[in-house]
């Protein structure tokens, strides 16, 4: 079972661009807290460093369920039941319109 914990609809497509499946987002998204810190200046322009922290909105693991999340959430949590969109497909304007597969970081 796929559960979409991103704020966006996930559209899976085949190699020809045909829609295979659409996974609607859940009411609550998984998020990662962040803190912005000053790193240095480049040509008098501030450059920040973003530090990611605690993950929220992530349910407990359920056997047979895969949670679709952002890469940041997947990296921060370290869980093996989280997947991220992979092999993204873009339209002529460069906007992501779908993906061909998912990837795991665990």
Protein backbone atom coordinates (compact mmCIF):
# COMPACT_ATOMS: atom_id res chain seq x y z
CA UNK A 1 0.00 0.00 0.00
CA UNK A 2 1.27 3.48 -0.91
CA UNK A 3 0.59 6.45 1.38
CA UNK A 4 1.51 9.90 0.08
CA UNK A 5 2.84 12.09 2.90
CA UNK A 6 3.95 14.91 0.56
CA UNK A 7 1.70 17.93 -0.06
CA UNK A 8 1.56 17.06 -3.78
CA UNK A 9 -0.25 14.52 -5.92
CA UNK A 10 2.19 11.83 -7.12
CA UNK A 11 1.65 10.68 -10.72
CA UNK A 12 3.39 7.49 -11.84
CA UNK A 13 3.98 7.20 -15.59
CA UNK A 14 5.42 4.58 -17.91
CA UNK A 15 8.19 5.09 -20.47
CA UNK A 16 5.66 6.46 -22.99
CA UNK A 17 4.27 9.01 -20.53
CA UNK A 18 1.03 7.12 -19.92
CA UNK A 19 -0.36 7.53 -16.41
CA UNK A 20 -0.12 4.27 -14.45
CA UNK A 21 -1.32 5.47 -11.06
CA UNK A 22 -2.09 8.69 -9.19
CA UNK A 23 -1.48 8.79 -5.43
CA UNK A 24 -3.33 11.65 -3.76
CA UNK A 25 -1.74 13.35 -0.72
CA UNK A 26 -2.96 12.61 2.78
CA UNK A 27 -4.45 15.41 4.89
CA UNK A 28 -1.20 15.72 6.87
CA UNK A 29 2.28 15.82 5.34
CA UNK A 30 5.51 14.55 6.89
CA UNK A 31 7.82 17.50 7.51
CA UNK A 32 11.27 18.16 8.87
CA UNK A 33 12.01 21.13 11.09
CA UNK A 34 14.74 23.45 9.88
CA UNK A 35 16.95 26.19 11.23
CA UNK A 36 18.73 28.76 9.10
CA UNK A 37 22.20 29.81 10.22
CA UNK A 38 24.56 32.38 8.77
CA UNK A 39 27.49 30.64 7.05
CA UNK A 40 29.50 33.40 5.31
CA UNK A 41 29.29 36.27 2.85
CA UNK A 42 30.04 36.01 -0.87
CA UNK A 43 30.50 39.35 -2.66
CA UNK A 44 28.70 41.07 0.24
CA UNK A 45 25.72 38.71 -0.07
CA UNK A 46 24.66 36.61 2.90
CA UNK A 47 25.00 32.84 2.44
CA UNK A 48 23.08 30.69 4.91
CA UNK A 49 23.33 27.09 6.04
CA UNK A 50 20.10 25.18 6.63
CA UNK A 51 20.16 22.61 9.42
CA UNK A 52 17.37 20.01 9.39
CA UNK A 53 16.06 18.53 12.60
CA UNK A 54 13.08 16.62 13.93
CA UNK A 55 10.59 14.90 11.62
CA UNK A 56 6.87 15.39 12.29
CA UNK A 57 3.74 13.91 10.71
CA UNK A 58 5.25 10.49 10.15
CA UNK A 59 3.06 7.58 11.28
CA UNK A 60 4.44 4.42 12.86
CA UNK A 61 5.66 1.71 10.52
CA UNK A 62 2.97 -0.66 9.22
CA UNK A 63 3.97 -3.91 7.54
CA UNK A 64 3.22 -3.74 3.79
CA UNK A 65 2.81 0.07 3.77
CA UNK A 66 5.23 2.38 1.96
CA UNK A 67 5.18 6.07 2.84
CA UNK A 68 6.02 8.52 0.04
CA UNK A 69 7.96 11.44 1.54
CA UNK A 70 10.43 14.16 0.55
CA UNK A 71 14.11 13.28 0.34
CA UNK A 72 14.80 15.51 3.37
CA UNK A 73 12.30 13.58 5.52
CA UNK A 74 13.67 10.23 4.30
CA UNK A 75 17.26 11.25 5.10
CA UNK A 76 16.39 12.70 8.52
CA UNK A 77 14.34 9.71 9.68
CA UNK A 78 16.55 6.86 8.47
CA UNK A 79 13.53 4.54 8.20
CA UNK A 80 13.42 1.76 5.60
CA UNK A 81 9.66 2.07 4.91
CA UNK A 82 10.00 5.51 3.32
CA UNK A 83 10.26 6.00 -0.44
CA UNK A 84 10.85 9.07 -2.59
CA UNK A 85 9.84 9.84 -6.20
CA UNK A 86 12.55 8.80 -8.66
CA UNK A 87 13.13 9.09 -12.41
CA UNK A 88 11.09 12.27 -12.61
CA UNK A 89 9.43 13.25 -15.89
CA UNK A 90 9.23 16.90 -16.97
CA UNK A 91 7.07 18.75 -19.46
CA UNK A 92 8.37 21.13 -22.16
CA UNK A 93 8.56 23.96 -19.58
CA UNK A 94 10.74 21.87 -17.26
CA UNK A 95 8.05 21.30 -14.63
CA UNK A 96 7.87 17.87 -13.00
CA UNK A 97 4.68 16.12 -14.15
CA UNK A 98 5.33 12.65 -12.79
CA UNK A 99 7.83 9.94 -11.99
CA UNK A 100 8.58 6.49 -13.37
CA UNK A 101 9.60 4.86 -10.09
CA UNK A 102 10.38 5.32 -6.42
CA UNK A 103 13.70 5.08 -4.57
CA UNK A 104 14.64 4.11 -1.04
CA UNK A 105 17.48 5.54 1.01
CA UNK A 106 17.41 2.77 3.60
